[in-house]
Protein backbone atom coordinates (compact mmCIF):
# COMPACT_ATOMS: atom_id res chain seq x y z
CA MET A 1 -44.61 -24.07 32.67
CA ILE A 2 -44.76 -20.51 31.29
CA GLN A 3 -43.35 -19.13 34.57
CA LYS A 4 -40.51 -21.62 34.32
CA ARG A 5 -39.74 -20.46 30.75
CA TRP A 6 -39.83 -16.81 31.88
CA ALA A 7 -37.28 -17.65 34.57
CA LEU A 8 -35.02 -19.44 32.08
CA CYS A 9 -35.17 -16.52 29.61
CA ALA A 10 -34.37 -14.09 32.41
CA SER A 11 -31.29 -16.12 33.31
CA VAL A 12 -30.17 -16.09 29.66
CA TRP A 13 -30.39 -12.31 29.33
CA THR A 14 -28.72 -11.83 32.75
CA LEU A 15 -25.74 -13.92 31.67
CA LEU A 16 -25.50 -11.96 28.42
CA LEU A 17 -25.49 -8.65 30.33
CA VAL A 18 -22.84 -9.88 32.77
CA GLY A 19 -20.68 -11.05 29.85
CA GLN A 20 -20.89 -7.64 28.17
CA ILE A 21 -19.99 -5.83 31.40
CA ALA A 22 -17.05 -8.18 31.97
CA GLN A 23 -15.92 -7.61 28.40
CA GLY A 24 -16.03 -3.83 28.89
CA GLY A 25 -14.01 -4.10 32.11
CA THR A 26 -11.34 -6.17 30.37
CA GLU A 27 -11.01 -3.62 27.55
CA GLU A 28 -10.52 -0.82 30.08
CA THR A 29 -7.85 -2.81 31.89
CA ASP A 30 -5.96 -3.67 28.70
CA ALA A 31 -6.17 -0.04 27.51
CA PRO A 32 -6.26 -0.91 23.79
CA LEU A 33 -5.07 1.45 21.10
CA ARG A 34 -8.27 2.51 19.37
CA VAL A 35 -7.74 3.68 15.79
CA ASP A 36 -10.28 4.80 13.21
CA LEU A 37 -9.67 4.52 9.48
CA PRO A 38 -8.46 8.12 8.82
CA THR A 39 -5.99 7.83 11.70
CA ALA A 40 -4.83 4.43 10.44
CA LEU A 41 -4.13 5.88 6.99
CA VAL A 42 -2.11 8.73 8.50
CA LEU A 43 -0.13 6.34 10.71
CA ALA A 44 0.63 4.09 7.76
CA LEU A 45 1.86 6.91 5.53
CA GLN A 46 4.05 8.20 8.36
CA GLY A 47 5.31 5.02 9.98
CA ASN A 48 5.24 2.18 7.47
CA PRO A 49 8.87 0.98 7.13
CA ASP A 50 8.54 -0.03 3.49
CA ILE A 51 7.15 3.33 2.41
CA GLN A 52 9.87 5.11 4.38
CA ALA A 53 12.52 3.08 2.57
CA LYS A 54 11.00 3.95 -0.81
CA ARG A 55 11.03 7.64 0.05
CA HIS A 56 14.78 7.50 0.57
CA THR A 57 15.17 6.65 -3.11
CA LEU A 58 14.13 10.24 -3.75
CA GLY A 59 17.52 11.32 -2.40
CA LEU A 60 19.26 9.26 -5.08
CA ALA A 61 17.22 10.95 -7.80
CA LYS A 62 17.91 14.40 -6.35
CA GLY A 63 21.63 13.61 -6.26
CA ARG A 64 21.47 12.76 -9.95
CA VAL A 65 19.85 16.14 -10.65
CA GLN A 66 22.55 17.92 -8.66
CA GLN A 67 25.24 16.11 -10.62
CA SER A 68 23.62 17.02 -13.94
CA GLU A 69 23.55 20.71 -13.03
CA LEU A 70 27.32 20.96 -12.63
CA LEU A 71 28.96 23.26 -15.19
CA PHE A 72 31.60 20.62 -15.95
CA GLN A 73 31.20 16.88 -15.39
CA GLU A 74 34.97 16.26 -15.11
CA ASN A 75 37.44 18.02 -12.85
CA PRO A 76 40.32 20.01 -14.46
CA ARG A 77 43.66 18.27 -14.92
CA VAL A 78 47.09 19.75 -14.38
CA SER A 79 50.01 18.44 -16.42
CA ILE A 80 53.60 19.28 -15.34
CA GLU A 81 56.60 18.44 -17.51
CA ALA A 82 60.28 19.06 -16.69
CA ASP A 83 63.56 18.17 -18.40
CA TYR A 84 67.26 18.75 -17.85
CA ARG A 85 69.77 19.48 -20.64
CA ASN A 86 73.41 18.60 -19.95
CA ARG A 87 75.79 20.78 -22.05
CA ARG A 88 79.02 20.07 -20.19
CA PHE A 89 80.89 18.96 -23.31
CA ARG A 90 79.60 21.62 -25.69
CA ALA A 91 81.37 24.85 -26.57
CA PRO A 92 81.68 27.62 -25.70
CA THR A 93 80.34 27.63 -22.13
CA GLY A 94 79.23 24.03 -21.54
CA ARG A 95 76.43 25.32 -19.23
CA SER A 96 73.50 22.93 -18.53
CA THR A 97 69.87 24.13 -18.43
CA ALA A 98 66.48 22.93 -17.10
CA ASP A 99 63.12 23.35 -18.86
CA ALA A 100 59.58 23.04 -17.40
CA ALA A 101 56.01 23.27 -18.68
CA VAL A 102 52.68 23.49 -16.80
CA VAL A 103 49.40 22.84 -18.63
CA LEU A 104 45.90 23.17 -17.12
CA LEU A 105 43.23 21.24 -19.08
CA GLN A 106 39.46 21.22 -18.67
CA GLU A 107 37.23 18.81 -20.57
CA VAL A 108 34.36 20.57 -22.36
CA GLU A 109 31.28 18.88 -23.84
CA ILE A 110 30.49 20.33 -27.24
CA ALA A 111 27.57 18.21 -28.54
CA GLY A 112 24.79 19.32 -26.19
CA GLN A 113 25.36 16.63 -23.58
CA PRO A 114 24.60 18.91 -20.56
CA GLY A 115 21.05 19.59 -21.75
CA HIS A 116 20.32 15.93 -22.42
CA ARG A 117 21.80 14.96 -19.06
CA ARG A 118 19.69 17.51 -17.19
CA ARG A 119 16.50 16.41 -18.96
CA ALA A 120 17.25 12.77 -18.14
CA ALA A 121 17.89 13.57 -14.47
CA THR A 122 14.76 15.73 -14.17
CA SER A 123 12.58 13.06 -15.77
CA HIS A 124 14.11 10.42 -13.49
CA LEU A 125 13.27 12.57 -10.46
CA SER A 126 9.64 12.81 -11.60
CA TYR A 127 9.63 9.06 -12.25
CA THR A 128 10.82 8.41 -8.70
CA GLU A 129 8.23 10.77 -7.21
CA TRP A 130 5.43 8.98 -9.07
CA LEU A 131 6.76 5.60 -7.94
CA ILE A 132 6.58 6.74 -4.33
CA ALA A 133 3.07 8.09 -4.89
CA ASP A 134 2.05 4.73 -6.32
CA ALA A 135 3.50 2.91 -3.32
CA GLU A 136 1.43 5.19 -1.08
CA ARG A 137 -1.67 4.41 -3.17
CA LEU A 138 -1.18 0.68 -2.78
CA LEU A 139 -0.43 1.09 0.93
CA ARG A 140 -3.71 2.95 1.44
CA LEU A 141 -5.56 0.12 -0.25
CA GLU A 142 -3.86 -2.50 1.92
CA VAL A 143 -4.62 -0.54 5.08
CA MET A 144 -8.28 -0.14 4.12
CA HIS A 145 -8.66 -3.85 3.37
CA ALA A 146 -6.92 -4.85 6.61
CA PHE A 147 -8.89 -2.31 8.63
CA TYR A 148 -12.25 -3.44 7.26
CA GLU A 149 -11.28 -7.07 7.80
CA LEU A 150 -10.35 -6.43 11.42
CA MET A 151 -13.63 -4.57 11.95
CA ALA A 152 -15.57 -7.51 10.54
CA ILE A 153 -13.70 -9.98 12.74
CA GLN A 154 -14.30 -7.82 15.82
CA ASP A 155 -18.01 -7.70 15.01
CA SER A 156 -18.03 -11.46 14.50
CA ILE A 157 -16.25 -12.07 17.81
CA HIS A 158 -18.76 -9.88 19.63
CA ALA A 159 -21.64 -11.84 18.11
CA GLN A 160 -19.93 -15.17 18.87
CA ARG A 161 -19.40 -14.20 22.50
CA ASP A 162 -23.07 -13.33 22.83
CA MET A 163 -23.99 -16.63 21.19
CA LEU A 164 -21.68 -18.57 23.51
CA GLU A 165 -23.27 -16.95 26.55
CA THR A 166 -26.69 -17.74 25.14
CA ARG A 167 -25.64 -21.35 24.53
CA ARG A 168 -24.35 -21.62 28.07
CA ALA A 169 -27.59 -20.24 29.44
CA LEU A 170 -29.61 -22.64 27.30
CA LEU A 171 -27.43 -25.54 28.43
CA GLN A 172 -27.96 -24.59 32.05
CA ALA A 173 -31.68 -24.33 31.45
CA GLY A 174 -31.58 -27.69 29.69
CA ARG A 175 -29.84 -29.27 32.66
CA GLU A 176 -32.51 -27.95 35.00
CA ARG A 177 -35.28 -29.19 32.72
CA TYR A 178 -33.55 -32.56 32.33
CA ALA A 179 -33.37 -32.86 36.09
CA GLN A 180 -37.12 -32.27 36.11
CA GLU A 181 -37.48 -34.88 33.31
CA ASP A 182 -38.87 -32.20 31.01
CA ILE A 183 -36.41 -32.98 28.15
CA SER A 184 -34.58 -36.11 27.05
CA VAL A 185 -30.89 -36.86 27.38
CA LEU A 186 -30.57 -36.56 23.59
CA GLU A 187 -31.85 -33.00 23.72
CA LEU A 188 -29.46 -32.22 26.58
CA ASP A 189 -26.52 -33.67 24.62
CA THR A 190 -27.53 -31.60 21.60
CA LEU A 191 -27.46 -28.44 23.71
CA ARG A 192 -24.04 -29.42 25.05
CA LEU A 193 -22.67 -30.00 21.54
CA ASP A 194 -24.09 -26.66 20.39
CA THR A 195 -22.28 -24.97 23.28
CA ASP A 196 -19.00 -26.67 22.40
CA GLU A 197 -19.39 -25.61 18.77
CA ALA A 198 -20.04 -22.00 19.83
CA ARG A 199 -16.89 -22.09 21.97
CA THR A 200 -14.86 -23.47 19.05
CA ARG A 201 -16.15 -20.75 16.73
CA LEU A 202 -15.20 -18.07 19.22
CA LEU A 203 -11.69 -19.51 19.52
CA ALA A 204 -11.32 -19.55 15.74
CA GLY A 205 -12.53 -15.96 15.59
CA GLU A 206 -9.95 -14.91 18.19
CA GLN A 207 -7.22 -16.57 16.14
CA GLU A 208 -8.37 -14.72 13.03
CA ARG A 209 -8.32 -11.48 14.99
CA VAL A 210 -4.69 -12.08 16.00
CA HIS A 211 -3.65 -12.52 12.36
CA ALA A 212 -5.70 -9.54 11.16
CA GLU A 213 -4.35 -7.33 13.94
CA LYS A 214 -0.79 -8.39 13.15
CA ARG A 215 -1.25 -7.52 9.48
CA LEU A 216 -2.67 -4.08 10.31
CA ARG A 217 0.10 -3.42 12.86
CA LEU A 218 2.76 -4.14 10.26
CA LEU A 219 1.10 -1.82 7.77
CA LEU A 220 0.87 0.97 10.35
CA GLY A 221 4.41 0.43 11.61
CA LEU A 222 3.21 -0.14 15.20
CA GLY A 223 4.73 -2.23 17.96
CA VAL A 224 3.06 -4.95 20.02
CA GLU A 225 2.83 -3.14 23.35
CA ARG A 226 -0.94 -2.51 23.33
CA PRO A 227 -3.90 -4.29 21.77
CA LEU A 228 -5.15 -2.68 18.58
CA VAL A 229 -8.85 -2.05 18.03
CA ALA A 230 -10.34 -0.87 14.75
CA VAL A 231 -12.92 1.75 15.67
CA GLY A 232 -16.08 2.02 13.63
CA ASP A 233 -19.33 0.29 12.79
CA LEU A 234 -18.87 -1.91 9.76
CA LEU A 235 -22.58 -2.14 9.09
CA LYS A 236 -23.12 1.60 9.46
CA ILE A 237 -20.21 2.42 7.15
CA SER A 238 -21.46 -0.02 4.53
CA ARG A 239 -24.84 1.75 4.49
CA LEU A 240 -23.22 5.18 4.02
CA ASP A 241 -22.38 4.59 0.39
CA ALA A 242 -21.12 7.95 -0.89
CA LEU A 243 -20.35 6.58 -4.35
CA PRO A 244 -22.68 7.71 -7.11
CA ASP A 245 -25.41 5.28 -8.13
CA PRO A 246 -25.27 4.45 -10.93
CA LEU A 247 -21.53 4.71 -11.26
CA PRO A 248 -19.99 6.66 -14.13
CA SER A 249 -19.31 4.62 -17.22
CA GLN A 250 -16.22 2.45 -17.46
CA ALA A 251 -14.85 4.67 -20.23
CA GLU A 252 -15.07 7.74 -17.99
CA LEU A 253 -13.44 5.95 -15.07
CA ILE A 254 -10.64 4.56 -17.24
CA ALA A 255 -9.93 8.03 -18.65
CA CYS A 256 -9.84 9.44 -15.12
CA ALA A 257 -7.55 6.63 -13.96
CA LEU A 258 -5.09 7.30 -16.78
CA GLU A 259 -5.10 10.94 -15.74
CA HIS A 260 -4.39 10.30 -12.06
CA ARG A 261 -2.78 6.87 -11.63
CA PRO A 262 0.79 7.30 -10.30
CA ASP A 263 2.05 4.05 -11.85
CA TYR A 264 0.92 5.18 -15.30
CA HIS A 265 2.67 8.55 -14.89
CA ALA A 266 5.78 6.77 -13.60
CA ALA A 267 5.84 4.61 -16.72
CA ARG A 268 5.45 7.71 -18.90
CA PHE A 269 8.32 9.54 -17.21
CA LYS A 270 10.45 6.42 -17.49
CA VAL A 271 10.03 6.63 -21.26
CA GLU A 272 11.08 10.30 -21.18
CA THR A 273 14.11 9.42 -19.06
CA ARG A 274 15.22 6.64 -21.39
CA GLU A 275 14.74 8.83 -24.48
CA ALA A 276 16.87 11.59 -22.92
CA GLU A 277 19.53 9.01 -22.06
CA LEU A 278 19.49 7.81 -25.67
CA ARG A 279 20.02 11.36 -26.92
CA LEU A 280 22.87 11.73 -24.44
CA ALA A 281 24.47 8.49 -25.67
CA ARG A 282 24.23 9.67 -29.28
CA ALA A 283 25.73 13.05 -28.37
CA ASN A 284 28.65 11.26 -26.72
CA ARG A 285 29.69 9.97 -30.12
CA THR A 286 31.26 13.39 -30.59
CA PRO A 287 34.44 13.38 -28.47
CA ASN A 288 34.85 16.01 -25.82
CA ILE A 289 37.72 18.45 -26.21
CA SER A 290 40.06 19.55 -23.44
CA LEU A 291 41.53 23.04 -23.40
CA GLY A 292 43.27 25.40 -21.03
CA PRO A 293 46.25 27.70 -20.44
CA MET A 294 49.91 26.66 -20.63
CA TYR A 295 53.09 28.07 -19.12
CA LYS A 296 56.53 26.92 -20.23
CA LEU A 297 60.08 27.79 -19.18
CA ASP A 298 62.28 27.10 -22.20
CA ASN A 299 65.96 27.70 -21.33
CA GLU A 300 65.91 31.36 -20.48
CA ASP A 301 62.63 32.09 -22.26
CA GLN A 302 59.20 32.11 -20.56
CA VAL A 303 56.39 31.02 -22.86
CA VAL A 304 52.65 31.55 -22.16
CA GLY A 305 50.04 29.97 -24.41
CA GLY A 306 47.16 27.54 -24.60
CA ALA A 307 46.61 23.81 -25.08
CA LEU A 308 43.89 21.97 -26.94
CA THR A 309 43.32 18.20 -26.88
CA VAL A 310 40.98 16.57 -29.38
CA PRO A 311 40.42 12.78 -29.16
CA LEU A 312 40.20 11.00 -32.48
CA PRO A 313 37.07 8.77 -32.63
CA LEU A 314 38.65 6.09 -34.74
CA PHE A 315 37.72 2.98 -32.75
CA ASN A 316 35.13 3.88 -30.09
CA ARG A 317 32.02 5.61 -31.40
CA ASN A 318 29.99 4.85 -28.25
CA THR A 319 28.10 2.21 -30.20
CA HIS A 320 27.58 -0.09 -27.21
CA ALA A 321 26.01 2.68 -25.10
CA ILE A 322 23.73 3.74 -27.95
CA THR A 323 22.59 0.16 -28.54
CA ALA A 324 21.88 -0.36 -24.84
CA ALA A 325 20.04 2.98 -24.58
CA THR A 326 17.94 2.14 -27.64
CA ALA A 327 16.92 -1.16 -26.05
CA GLU A 328 16.06 0.64 -22.81
CA VAL A 329 13.81 3.05 -24.71
CA GLU A 330 11.94 0.22 -26.41
CA MET A 331 11.54 -1.61 -23.11
CA ALA A 332 10.18 1.52 -21.42
CA ARG A 333 7.72 2.08 -24.26
CA GLN A 334 6.50 -1.49 -24.01
CA GLU A 335 6.14 -1.11 -20.24
CA LEU A 336 4.05 2.03 -20.80
CA GLU A 337 1.76 0.15 -23.17
CA SER A 338 1.53 -2.72 -20.69
CA ARG A 339 0.75 -0.31 -17.85
CA THR A 340 -1.96 1.38 -19.92
CA LEU A 341 -3.58 -1.99 -20.61
CA THR A 342 -3.22 -2.98 -16.95
CA VAL A 343 -4.95 0.20 -15.78
CA ARG A 344 -7.84 -0.44 -18.14
CA HIS A 345 -8.28 -4.05 -16.98
CA GLU A 346 -7.90 -3.22 -13.28
CA VAL A 347 -10.50 -0.46 -13.44
CA ALA A 348 -12.90 -2.69 -15.40
CA ALA A 349 -12.45 -5.58 -12.95
CA ALA A 350 -12.89 -3.35 -9.88
CA TYR A 351 -15.95 -1.77 -11.52
CA ALA A 352 -17.57 -5.16 -12.15
CA HIS A 353 -16.67 -6.40 -8.66
CA LEU A 354 -18.30 -3.38 -7.03
CA GLU A 355 -21.43 -3.71 -9.16
CA LEU A 356 -21.80 -7.37 -8.13
CA ALA A 357 -21.17 -6.55 -4.47
CA ARG A 358 -23.81 -3.82 -4.60
CA GLN A 359 -26.33 -6.21 -6.14
CA HIS A 360 -25.58 -8.78 -3.45
CA ARG A 361 -26.03 -6.20 -0.71
CA ALA A 362 -29.25 -4.89 -2.30
CA ALA A 363 -30.77 -8.33 -1.78
CA TYR A 364 -30.58 -7.73 1.98
CA GLY A 365 -32.30 -4.37 1.81
CA THR A 366 -31.75 -1.48 4.20
CA ASP A 367 -33.58 -2.91 7.22
CA TYR A 368 -32.24 -6.46 7.17
CA PHE A 369 -30.58 -6.29 10.58
CA ASP A 370 -33.67 -4.71 12.11
CA ALA A 371 -35.65 -7.59 10.66
CA LEU A 372 -33.23 -10.06 12.23
CA THR A 373 -33.67 -8.38 15.60
CA GLN A 374 -37.43 -8.50 15.23
CA THR A 375 -37.27 -12.17 14.27
CA GLY A 376 -35.17 -12.86 17.34
CA ASP A 377 -37.79 -11.16 19.53
CA PHE A 378 -40.57 -13.20 17.93
CA THR A 379 -38.55 -16.38 18.48
CA ARG A 380 -38.08 -15.66 22.17
CA ARG A 381 -41.75 -14.84 22.59
CA ALA A 382 -42.70 -18.08 20.88
CA TYR A 383 -40.49 -20.01 23.27
CA GLU A 384 -41.88 -18.15 26.26
CA ALA A 385 -45.40 -18.94 25.07
CA ASP A 386 -44.48 -22.65 24.91
CA GLU A 387 -44.95 -22.64 21.13
CA MET A 388 -41.51 -24.11 20.44
CA SER A 389 -39.13 -26.41 22.24
CA ILE A 390 -35.73 -25.54 23.60
CA LEU A 391 -34.07 -27.31 20.66
CA GLU A 392 -36.19 -25.36 18.21
CA LEU A 393 -35.15 -22.19 20.00
CA SER A 394 -31.50 -23.24 19.75
CA GLY A 395 -31.83 -23.98 16.05
CA ALA A 396 -33.60 -20.69 15.37
CA LEU A 397 -30.87 -18.73 17.15
CA GLU A 398 -28.24 -20.58 15.10
CA ARG A 399 -29.98 -19.66 11.85
CA LEU A 400 -30.22 -16.02 12.94
CA THR A 401 -26.51 -15.99 13.76
CA GLN A 402 -25.59 -17.45 10.39
CA SER A 403 -27.84 -14.99 8.58
CA ARG A 404 -26.22 -12.09 10.38
CA SER A 405 -22.75 -13.46 9.60
CA ARG A 406 -23.57 -13.65 5.89
CA ALA A 407 -24.87 -10.10 5.93
CA VAL A 408 -21.68 -8.90 7.63
CA ASP A 409 -19.59 -10.69 5.02
CA THR A 410 -21.60 -8.93 2.32
CA ALA A 411 -21.02 -5.55 3.95
CA LEU A 412 -17.29 -6.32 4.15
CA THR A 413 -17.23 -7.30 0.47
CA VAL A 414 -18.91 -4.04 -0.52
CA LEU A 415 -16.46 -1.92 1.48
CA GLN A 416 -13.43 -3.73 0.12
CA ALA A 417 -14.80 -3.48 -3.43
CA GLN A 418 -15.29 0.26 -2.97
CA ALA A 419 -11.76 0.62 -1.65
CA ALA A 420 -10.37 -1.38 -4.58
CA LEU A 421 -12.15 0.76 -7.17
CA ALA A 422 -11.10 3.95 -5.40
CA ALA A 423 -7.49 2.76 -5.38
CA GLN A 424 -7.60 1.88 -9.09
CA LEU A 425 -8.70 5.48 -9.67
CA ALA A 426 -5.91 6.79 -7.41
CA PHE A 427 -8.64 7.89 -4.97
CA HIS A 428 -9.93 10.43 -7.48
CA CYS A 429 -13.01 10.55 -9.71
CA LEU A 430 -15.40 9.20 -7.04
CA ASP A 431 -16.70 10.58 -3.79
CA THR A 432 -15.08 8.39 -1.11
CA THR A 433 -15.28 10.82 1.79
CA HIS A 434 -16.78 8.13 4.02
CA GLU A 435 -13.45 6.37 3.93
């Protein structure tokens, strides 16, 4: 009986080895695009279509700065007047004459509008730059989450393939033992159902991989020509926790976030922009004058002089623009307060999430997967020593697989929690070099 069990175990491990070799050959044939996390982040920042579109808004802000730096906001105007005097019926000569006048006018701002306009344009440029930086921050977080998720799914698929091969080997062994009337038909059917369930799980894992790969491809701006593989060991990365333990206090992290968060700085520069626009609107209550040289031909006299035009602000005092600008300032200030509160809550939530994830992972210890491997060896030895039935072996392997899956999920949760906290701090304030 023991020799028979040794033969069955040998067939199981042979099938597993053949499956791994076949898997490696398929990967070489498909020539997948293997990307690690640093490379994925670079590809995303360079090729993501959404981030590229946001960067083009910088050109609009730069154009506004260029416009504000012009010496005059309005082009000069030329006025030409001509008239003809008919003196045919007047004594003594009755000679007719023609008169003409040419006036060149340039509008000049006299209430400090150029300075306010330049400050508004400069602040708007800084606001746009911080918005782009914030989009890059959020993109990095999305890429990290998608990358870690794909790594976890790849690890799960690898484990599910091994389990399916093991189930197939156990089913084959069960068929041989059933033919020898060593197990019942119920036990054989149970092994068959376990194999079908393992096959279904693998199919579900492959479907999850397709969705996760699609999400990461979109974030990286890649096509669909080659399979995409996230390179790295999820379990190894989760053990290399470079974050300080214990973490700095929430107050310290919130202060650091307010110092580095791009969205907070964008909200602050938006307030500065709106305040400069309000000052510009108030300065526009003073009408701009227009002045310039004048040349006039009056009968036989040539007249050279100057012209000055002063609008009379009797009806339009720019009240509508001032009212709108005042409302914009108040809205921007409220948005800054809201952003400050949001930063505080996001940092606090990410902080708590990471602490809980660390506690959950600590329950597994540092040698949990080694313990699972050791338990698997003990289980096989017990089966080989005829200390457990084939169904007990199948059930034990299932429990080991589920335990490993839960541990992988915990490692994924820790990595994503670390990425979330790092993103809330604008990837400052903590040591995240392992990312």
